[in-house]
Amino acid sequence: MALHGDITLATDLDIYFYDPHSPWQRGSNENTSGLLRQYFPKAPTSPRVSSGDPDWATPNEKLTAVLDSPAANDGLTSGRVKDR
């Protein structure tokens, strides 16, 4: 945040820094961090990833594949308007 002065001038927004060792000045951030630590304890290992080839599809390609799948066209509303 060395350029906070430039950011303040460019955006017309004030930037505030909390004092070191003063977590009460960080309100919601500290509360959220505490809740996350309480309900999601540290995992000893990283999640397992399959050894298959990575899928390099874009989000649009994945969405199109899902919408064009037979399950999406089984008579239920699929969100697409069919050509007449």
PDB file of N, CA and C in Angstrom:
ATOM      1  N   MET A   1       0.825  -1.196   0.000  1.00  0.00           N
ATOM      2  CA  MET A   1       0.000   0.000   0.000  1.00  0.00           C
ATOM      3  C   MET A   1       0.868   1.259   0.000  1.00  0.00           C
ATOM      4  N   ALA A   2       2.033   1.136  -0.576  1.00  0.00           N
ATOM      5  CA  ALA A   2       2.924   2.286  -0.638  1.00  0.00           C
ATOM      6  C   ALA A   2       2.326   3.424  -1.448  1.00  0.00           C
ATOM      7  N   LEU A   3       1.450   3.104  -2.371  1.00  0.00           N
ATOM      8  CA  LEU A   3       0.856   4.129  -3.233  1.00  0.00           C
ATOM      9  C   LEU A   3      -0.549   4.521  -2.782  1.00  0.00           C
ATOM     10  N   HIS A   4      -0.849   4.366  -1.486  1.00  0.00           N
ATOM     11  CA  HIS A   4      -2.202   4.671  -1.027  1.00  0.00           C
ATOM     12  C   HIS A   4      -2.579   6.133  -1.251  1.00  0.00           C
ATOM     13  N   GLY A   5      -1.623   7.030  -1.226  1.00  0.00           N
ATOM     14  CA  GLY A   5      -1.908   8.442  -1.488  1.00  0.00           C
ATOM     15  C   GLY A   5      -2.382   8.654  -2.921  1.00  0.00           C
ATOM     16  N   ASP A   6      -1.715   7.986  -3.873  1.00  0.00           N
ATOM     17  CA  ASP A   6      -2.112   8.091  -5.277  1.00  0.00           C
ATOM     18  C   ASP A   6      -3.493   7.479  -5.496  1.00  0.00           C
ATOM     19  N   ILE A   7      -3.756   6.352  -4.819  1.00  0.00           N
ATOM     20  CA  ILE A   7      -5.064   5.696  -4.954  1.00  0.00           C
ATOM     21  C   ILE A   7      -6.160   6.597  -4.402  1.00  0.00           C
ATOM     22  N   THR A   8      -5.885   7.239  -3.271  1.00  0.00           N
ATOM     23  CA  THR A   8      -6.858   8.151  -2.673  1.00  0.00           C
ATOM     24  C   THR A   8      -7.189   9.293  -3.623  1.00  0.00           C
ATOM     25  N   LEU A   9      -6.172   9.866  -4.255  1.00  0.00           N
ATOM     26  CA  LEU A   9      -6.413  10.970  -5.192  1.00  0.00           C
ATOM     27  C   LEU A   9      -7.152  10.493  -6.444  1.00  0.00           C
ATOM     28  N   ALA A  10      -6.791   9.331  -6.963  1.00  0.00           N
ATOM     29  CA  ALA A  10      -7.402   8.836  -8.197  1.00  0.00           C
ATOM     30  C   ALA A  10      -8.851   8.402  -8.006  1.00  0.00           C
ATOM     31  N   THR A  11      -9.187   7.865  -6.837  1.00  0.00           N
ATOM     32  CA  THR A  11     -10.530   7.323  -6.622  1.00  0.00           C
ATOM     33  C   THR A  11     -11.412   8.200  -5.755  1.00  0.00           C
ATOM     34  N   ASP A  12     -10.835   9.225  -5.144  1.00  0.00           N
ATOM     35  CA  ASP A  12     -11.553  10.101  -4.221  1.00  0.00           C
ATOM     36  C   ASP A  12     -12.153   9.309  -3.050  1.00  0.00           C
ATOM     37  N   LEU A  13     -11.419   8.267  -2.634  1.00  0.00           N
ATOM     38  CA  LEU A  13     -11.814   7.451  -1.491  1.00  0.00           C
ATOM     39  C   LEU A  13     -10.732   7.525  -0.429  1.00  0.00           C
ATOM     40  N   ASP A  14     -11.141   7.551   0.822  1.00  0.00           N
ATOM     41  CA  ASP A  14     -10.180   7.538   1.915  1.00  0.00           C
ATOM     42  C   ASP A  14      -9.706   6.115   2.182  1.00  0.00           C
ATOM     43  N   ILE A  15      -8.444   5.965   2.502  1.00  0.00           N
ATOM     44  CA  ILE A  15      -7.880   4.667   2.848  1.00  0.00           C
ATOM     45  C   ILE A  15      -7.404   4.749   4.289  1.00  0.00           C
ATOM     46  N   TYR A  16      -7.819   3.785   5.094  1.00  0.00           N
ATOM     47  CA  TYR A  16      -7.475   3.770   6.507  1.00  0.00           C
ATOM     48  C   TYR A  16      -6.624   2.544   6.813  1.00  0.00           C
ATOM     49  N   PHE A  17      -5.690   2.702   7.734  1.00  0.00           N
ATOM     50  CA  PHE A  17      -4.867   1.597   8.201  1.00  0.00           C
ATOM     51  C   PHE A  17      -5.105   1.426   9.685  1.00  0.00           C
ATOM     52  N   TYR A  18      -5.203   0.196  10.127  1.00  0.00           N
ATOM     53  CA  TYR A  18      -5.357  -0.044  11.561  1.00  0.00           C
ATOM     54  C   TYR A  18      -3.983  -0.002  12.213  1.00  0.00           C
ATOM     55  N   ASP A  19      -3.974   0.261  13.522  1.00  0.00           N
ATOM     56  CA  ASP A  19      -2.719   0.283  14.267  1.00  0.00           C
ATOM     57  C   ASP A  19      -2.225  -1.142  14.492  1.00  0.00           C
ATOM     58  N   PRO A  20      -0.910  -1.357  14.429  1.00  0.00           N
ATOM     59  CA  PRO A  20      -0.379  -2.704  14.682  1.00  0.00           C
ATOM     60  C   PRO A  20      -0.776  -3.200  16.069  1.00  0.00           C
ATOM     61  N   HIS A  21      -1.052  -4.471  16.170  1.00  0.00           N
ATOM     62  CA  HIS A  21      -1.401  -5.120  17.443  1.00  0.00           C
ATOM     63  C   HIS A  21      -2.680  -4.556  18.045  1.00  0.00           C
ATOM     64  N   SER A  22      -3.610  -4.110  17.196  1.00  0.00           N
ATOM     65  CA  SER A  22      -4.897  -3.583  17.649  1.00  0.00           C
ATOM     66  C   SER A  22      -6.021  -4.257  16.870  1.00  0.00           C
ATOM     67  N   PRO A  23      -6.259  -5.538  17.119  1.00  0.00           N
ATOM     68  CA  PRO A  23      -7.248  -6.265  16.323  1.00  0.00           C
ATOM     69  C   PRO A  23      -8.662  -5.724  16.461  1.00  0.00           C
ATOM     70  N   TRP A  24      -8.990  -5.039  17.532  1.00  0.00           N
ATOM     71  CA  TRP A  24     -10.336  -4.507  17.709  1.00  0.00           C
ATOM     72  C   TRP A  24     -10.638  -3.427  16.666  1.00  0.00           C
ATOM     73  N   GLN A  25      -9.610  -2.880  16.033  1.00  0.00           N
ATOM     74  CA  GLN A  25      -9.831  -1.884  14.992  1.00  0.00           C
ATOM     75  C   GLN A  25     -10.187  -2.544  13.657  1.00  0.00           C
ATOM     76  N   ARG A  26     -10.085  -3.858  13.601  1.00  0.00           N
ATOM     77  CA  ARG A  26     -10.334  -4.573  12.355  1.00  0.00           C
ATOM     78  C   ARG A  26     -11.666  -5.304  12.390  1.00  0.00           C
ATOM     79  N   GLY A  27     -12.504  -5.016  13.304  1.00  0.00           N
ATOM     80  CA  GLY A  27     -13.855  -5.531  13.468  1.00  0.00           C
ATOM     81  C   GLY A  27     -14.259  -6.764  12.705  1.00  0.00           C
ATOM     82  N   SER A  28     -14.914  -6.578  11.588  1.00  0.00           N
ATOM     83  CA  SER A  28     -15.498  -7.715  10.876  1.00  0.00           C
ATOM     84  C   SER A  28     -14.440  -8.664  10.339  1.00  0.00           C
ATOM     85  N   ASN A  29     -13.266  -8.166  10.003  1.00  0.00           N
ATOM     86  CA  ASN A  29     -12.207  -9.036   9.504  1.00  0.00           C
ATOM     87  C   ASN A  29     -11.779 -10.018  10.585  1.00  0.00           C
ATOM     88  N   GLU A  30     -11.567  -9.530  11.785  1.00  0.00           N
ATOM     89  CA  GLU A  30     -11.142 -10.408  12.879  1.00  0.00           C
ATOM     90  C   GLU A  30     -12.262 -11.376  13.254  1.00  0.00           C
ATOM     91  N   ASN A  31     -13.498 -10.910  13.247  1.00  0.00           N
ATOM     92  CA  ASN A  31     -14.621 -11.775  13.573  1.00  0.00           C
ATOM     93  C   ASN A  31     -14.738 -12.899  12.549  1.00  0.00           C
ATOM     94  N   THR A  32     -14.638 -12.547  11.280  1.00  0.00           N
ATOM     95  CA  THR A  32     -14.723 -13.554  10.219  1.00  0.00           C
ATOM     96  C   THR A  32     -13.580 -14.548  10.317  1.00  0.00           C
ATOM     97  N   SER A  33     -12.379 -14.064  10.547  1.00  0.00           N
ATOM     98  CA  SER A  33     -11.223 -14.956  10.676  1.00  0.00           C
ATOM     99  C   SER A  33     -11.407 -15.912  11.847  1.00  0.00           C
ATOM    100  N   GLY A  34     -11.915 -15.416  12.944  1.00  0.00           N
ATOM    101  CA  GLY A  34     -12.149 -16.269  14.107  1.00  0.00           C
ATOM    102  C   GLY A  34     -13.176 -17.354  13.829  1.00  0.00           C
ATOM    103  N   LEU A  35     -14.258 -16.977  13.142  1.00  0.00           N
ATOM    104  CA  LEU A  35     -15.288 -17.960  12.803  1.00  0.00           C
ATOM    105  C   LEU A  35     -14.742 -19.012  11.844  1.00  0.00           C
ATOM    106  N   LEU A  36     -13.969 -18.583  10.870  1.00  0.00           N
ATOM    107  CA  LEU A  36     -13.381 -19.543   9.937  1.00  0.00           C
ATOM    108  C   LEU A  36     -12.464 -20.518  10.658  1.00  0.00           C
ATOM    109  N   ARG A  37     -11.642 -20.007  11.582  1.00  0.00           N
ATOM    110  CA  ARG A  37     -10.751 -20.890  12.343  1.00  0.00           C
ATOM    111  C   ARG A  37     -11.544 -21.846  13.222  1.00  0.00           C
ATOM    112  N   GLN A  38     -12.682 -21.402  13.729  1.00  0.00           N
ATOM    113  CA  GLN A  38     -13.491 -22.255  14.604  1.00  0.00           C
ATOM    114  C   GLN A  38     -14.160 -23.383  13.824  1.00  0.00           C
ATOM    115  N   TYR A  39     -14.754 -23.056  12.678  1.00  0.00           N
ATOM    116  CA  TYR A  39     -15.550 -24.042  11.954  1.00  0.00           C
ATOM    117  C   TYR A  39     -14.786 -24.789  10.864  1.00  0.00           C
ATOM    118  N   PHE A  40     -13.641 -24.258  10.428  1.00  0.00           N
ATOM    119  CA  PHE A  40     -12.831 -24.921   9.410  1.00  0.00           C
ATOM    120  C   PHE A  40     -11.400 -25.042   9.919  1.00  0.00           C
ATOM    121  N   PRO A  41     -11.141 -26.040  10.759  1.00  0.00           N
ATOM    122  CA  PRO A  41      -9.782 -26.184  11.291  1.00  0.00           C
ATOM    123  C   PRO A  41      -8.792 -26.481  10.173  1.00  0.00           C
ATOM    124  N   LYS A  42      -7.525 -26.216  10.438  1.00  0.00           N
ATOM    125  CA  LYS A  42      -6.485 -26.444   9.439  1.00  0.00           C
ATOM    126  C   LYS A  42      -6.459 -27.907   9.026  1.00  0.00           C
ATOM    127  N   ALA A  43      -6.355 -28.121   7.742  1.00  0.00           N
ATOM    128  CA  ALA A  43      -6.245 -29.482   7.220  1.00  0.00           C
ATOM    129  C   ALA A  43      -4.767 -29.864   7.189  1.00  0.00           C
ATOM    130  N   PRO A  44      -4.444 -31.091   7.584  1.00  0.00           N
ATOM    131  CA  PRO A  44      -3.043 -31.488   7.607  1.00  0.00           C
ATOM    132  C   PRO A  44      -2.445 -31.647   6.208  1.00  0.00           C
ATOM    133  N   THR A  45      -3.272 -31.916   5.202  1.00  0.00           N
ATOM    134  CA  THR A  45      -2.773 -32.078   3.841  1.00  0.00           C
ATOM    135  C   THR A  45      -3.661 -31.307   2.881  1.00  0.00           C
ATOM    136  N   SER A  46      -3.157 -31.088   1.697  1.00  0.00           N
ATOM    137  CA  SER A  46      -3.962 -30.417   0.691  1.00  0.00           C
ATOM    138  C   SER A  46      -4.962 -31.402   0.113  1.00  0.00           C
ATOM    139  N   PRO A  47      -6.039 -30.898  -0.490  1.00  0.00           N
ATOM    140  CA  PRO A  47      -7.048 -31.809  -1.041  1.00  0.00           C
ATOM    141  C   PRO A  47      -6.462 -32.661  -2.167  1.00  0.00           C
ATOM    142  N   ARG A  48      -7.000 -33.847  -2.309  1.00  0.00           N
ATOM    143  CA  ARG A  48      -6.538 -34.770  -3.350  1.00  0.00           C
ATOM    144  C   ARG A  48      -7.051 -34.319  -4.713  1.00  0.00           C
ATOM    145  N   VAL A  49      -6.202 -34.423  -5.688  1.00  0.00           N
ATOM    146  CA  VAL A  49      -6.568 -34.096  -7.056  1.00  0.00           C
ATOM    147  C   VAL A  49      -6.394 -35.352  -7.874  1.00  0.00           C
ATOM    148  N   SER A  50      -7.360 -35.601  -8.764  1.00  0.00           N
ATOM    149  CA  SER A  50      -7.268 -36.813  -9.568  1.00  0.00           C
ATOM    150  C   SER A  50      -6.037 -36.743 -10.462  1.00  0.00           C
ATOM    151  N   SER A  51      -5.542 -37.902 -10.821  1.00  0.00           N
ATOM    152  CA  SER A  51      -4.338 -37.952 -11.636  1.00  0.00           C
ATOM    153  C   SER A  51      -4.648 -37.860 -13.128  1.00  0.00           C
ATOM    154  N   GLY A  52      -5.920 -37.669 -13.484  1.00  0.00           N
ATOM    155  CA  GLY A  52      -6.306 -37.559 -14.893  1.00  0.00           C
ATOM    156  C   GLY A  52      -5.773 -36.282 -15.511  1.00  0.00           C
ATOM    157  N   ASP A  53      -5.986 -36.168 -16.809  1.00  0.00           N
ATOM    158  CA  ASP A  53      -5.546 -34.962 -17.509  1.00  0.00           C
ATOM    159  C   ASP A  53      -6.333 -33.760 -17.015  1.00  0.00           C
ATOM    160  N   PRO A  54      -5.668 -32.620 -16.922  1.00  0.00           N
ATOM    161  CA  PRO A  54      -6.392 -31.419 -16.499  1.00  0.00           C
ATOM    162  C   PRO A  54      -7.395 -31.004 -17.566  1.00  0.00           C
ATOM    163  N   ASP A  55      -8.481 -30.377 -17.137  1.00  0.00           N
ATOM    164  CA  ASP A  55      -9.519 -29.923 -18.061  1.00  0.00           C
ATOM    165  C   ASP A  55      -9.269 -28.447 -18.348  1.00  0.00           C
ATOM    166  N   TRP A  56      -8.901 -28.133 -19.570  1.00  0.00           N
ATOM    167  CA  TRP A  56      -8.559 -26.763 -19.927  1.00  0.00           C
ATOM    168  C   TRP A  56      -9.741 -26.018 -20.533  1.00  0.00           C
ATOM    169  N   ALA A  57     -10.946 -26.493 -20.330  1.00  0.00           N
ATOM    170  CA  ALA A  57     -12.126 -25.842 -20.896  1.00  0.00           C
ATOM    171  C   ALA A  57     -12.383 -24.516 -20.192  1.00  0.00           C
ATOM    172  N   THR A  58     -12.894 -23.567 -20.954  1.00  0.00           N
ATOM    173  CA  THR A  58     -13.264 -22.278 -20.373  1.00  0.00           C
ATOM    174  C   THR A  58     -14.605 -22.430 -19.659  1.00  0.00           C
ATOM    175  N   PRO A  59     -14.955 -21.510 -18.772  1.00  0.00           N
ATOM    176  CA  PRO A  59     -16.260 -21.588 -18.109  1.00  0.00           C
ATOM    177  C   PRO A  59     -17.414 -21.626 -19.108  1.00  0.00           C
ATOM    178  N   ASN A  60     -17.305 -20.867 -20.191  1.00  0.00           N
ATOM    179  CA  ASN A  60     -18.365 -20.865 -21.194  1.00  0.00           C
ATOM    180  C   ASN A  60     -18.490 -22.234 -21.853  1.00  0.00           C
ATOM    181  N   GLU A  61     -17.366 -22.880 -22.158  1.00  0.00           N
ATOM    182  CA  GLU A  61     -17.398 -24.211 -22.757  1.00  0.00           C
ATOM    183  C   GLU A  61     -18.028 -25.232 -21.808  1.00  0.00           C
ATOM    184  N   LYS A  62     -17.699 -25.156 -20.524  1.00  0.00           N
ATOM    185  CA  LYS A  62     -18.270 -26.075 -19.536  1.00  0.00           C
ATOM    186  C   LYS A  62     -19.780 -25.867 -19.404  1.00  0.00           C
ATOM    187  N   LEU A  63     -20.213 -24.594 -19.350  1.00  0.00           N
ATOM    188  CA  LEU A  63     -21.639 -24.295 -19.228  1.00  0.00           C
ATOM    189  C   LEU A  63     -22.396 -24.797 -20.449  1.00  0.00           C
ATOM    190  N   THR A  64     -21.850 -24.569 -21.635  1.00  0.00           N
ATOM    191  CA  THR A  64     -22.487 -25.048 -22.856  1.00  0.00           C
ATOM    192  C   THR A  64     -22.612 -26.564 -22.846  1.00  0.00           C
ATOM    193  N   ALA A  65     -21.570 -27.261 -22.398  1.00  0.00           N
ATOM    194  CA  ALA A  65     -21.606 -28.720 -22.334  1.00  0.00           C
ATOM    195  C   ALA A  65     -22.692 -29.197 -21.375  1.00  0.00           C
ATOM    196  N   VAL A  66     -22.836 -28.518 -20.250  1.00  0.00           N
ATOM    197  CA  VAL A  66     -23.860 -28.908 -19.272  1.00  0.00           C
ATOM    198  C   VAL A  66     -25.251 -28.651 -19.835  1.00  0.00           C
ATOM    199  N   LEU A  67     -25.441 -27.493 -20.456  1.00  0.00           N
ATOM    200  CA  LEU A  67     -26.764 -27.151 -20.990  1.00  0.00           C
ATOM    201  C   LEU A  67     -27.135 -28.020 -22.189  1.00  0.00           C
ATOM    202  N   ASP A  68     -26.155 -28.475 -22.936  1.00  0.00           N
ATOM    203  CA  ASP A  68     -26.427 -29.315 -24.095  1.00  0.00           C
ATOM    204  C   ASP A  68     -26.485 -30.799 -23.757  1.00  0.00           C
ATOM    205  N   SER A  69     -26.246 -31.160 -22.511  1.00  0.00           N
ATOM    206  CA  SER A  69     -26.255 -32.566 -22.123  1.00  0.00           C
ATOM    207  C   SER A  69     -27.691 -33.102 -22.140  1.00  0.00           C
ATOM    208  N   PRO A  70     -27.855 -34.418 -22.327  1.00  0.00           N
ATOM    209  CA  PRO A  70     -29.204 -35.005 -22.341  1.00  0.00           C
ATOM    210  C   PRO A  70     -29.983 -34.741 -21.053  1.00  0.00           C
ATOM    211  N   ALA A  71     -29.302 -34.691 -19.929  1.00  0.00           N
ATOM    212  CA  ALA A  71     -29.990 -34.455 -18.653  1.00  0.00           C
ATOM    213  C   ALA A  71     -30.627 -33.072 -18.623  1.00  0.00           C
ATOM    214  N   ALA A  72     -30.017 -32.103 -19.297  1.00  0.00           N
ATOM    215  CA  ALA A  72     -30.573 -30.747 -19.313  1.00  0.00           C
ATOM    216  C   ALA A  72     -31.753 -30.643 -20.257  1.00  0.00           C
ATOM    217  N   ASN A  73     -31.890 -31.601 -21.170  1.00  0.00           N
ATOM    218  CA  ASN A  73     -32.961 -31.546 -22.171  1.00  0.00           C
ATOM    219  C   ASN A  73     -33.999 -32.638 -21.959  1.00  0.00           C
ATOM    220  N   ASP A  74     -34.218 -33.047 -20.727  1.00  0.00           N
ATOM    221  CA  ASP A  74     -35.148 -34.152 -20.453  1.00  0.00           C
ATOM    222  C   ASP A  74     -36.585 -33.688 -20.233  1.00  0.00           C
ATOM    223  N   GLY A  75     -36.941 -32.538 -20.778  1.00  0.00           N
ATOM    224  CA  GLY A  75     -38.304 -32.045 -20.632  1.00  0.00           C
ATOM    225  C   GLY A  75     -38.445 -31.040 -19.518  1.00  0.00           C
ATOM    226  N   LEU A  76     -37.423 -30.921 -18.694  1.00  0.00           N
ATOM    227  CA  LEU A  76     -37.461 -29.914 -17.639  1.00  0.00           C
ATOM    228  C   LEU A  76     -37.003 -28.595 -18.205  1.00  0.00           C
ATOM    229  N   THR A  77     -37.288 -27.514 -17.501  1.00  0.00           N
ATOM    230  CA  THR A  77     -36.860 -26.205 -17.958  1.00  0.00           C
ATOM    231  C   THR A  77     -35.346 -26.150 -17.896  1.00  0.00           C
ATOM    232  N   SER A  78     -34.714 -25.891 -19.023  1.00  0.00           N
ATOM    233  CA  SER A  78     -33.259 -25.854 -19.058  1.00  0.00           C
ATOM    234  C   SER A  78     -32.729 -24.434 -19.153  1.00  0.00           C
ATOM    235  N   GLY A  79     -33.608 -23.460 -19.252  1.00  0.00           N
ATOM    236  CA  GLY A  79     -33.154 -22.085 -19.333  1.00  0.00           C
ATOM    237  C   GLY A  79     -32.894 -21.628 -20.756  1.00  0.00           C
ATOM    238  N   ARG A  80     -33.067 -22.532 -21.728  1.00  0.00           N
ATOM    239  CA  ARG A  80     -32.855 -22.185 -23.118  1.00  0.00           C
ATOM    240  C   ARG A  80     -34.189 -22.211 -23.870  1.00  0.00           C
ATOM    241  N   VAL A  81     -34.322 -21.358 -24.832  1.00  0.00           N
ATOM    242  CA  VAL A  81     -35.512 -21.333 -25.670  1.00  0.00           C
ATOM    243  C   VAL A  81     -35.195 -22.173 -26.900  1.00  0.00           C
ATOM    244  N   LYS A  82     -36.004 -23.206 -27.143  1.00  0.00           N
ATOM    245  CA  LYS A  82     -35.772 -24.082 -28.277  1.00  0.00           C
ATOM    246  C   LYS A  82     -36.284 -23.427 -29.551  1.00  0.00           C
ATOM    247  N   ASP A  83     -35.563 -23.679 -30.655  1.00  0.00           N
ATOM    248  CA  ASP A  83     -35.999 -23.181 -31.957  1.00  0.00           C
ATOM    249  C   ASP A  83     -37.263 -23.885 -32.379  1.00  0.00           C
ATOM    250  N   ARG A  84     -38.149 -23.178 -33.060  1.00  0.00           N
ATOM    251  CA  ARG A  84     -39.410 -23.794 -33.489  1.00  0.00           C
ATOM    252  C   ARG A  84     -39.329 -24.306 -34.878  1.00  0.00           C
TER     253      ARG A  84
END
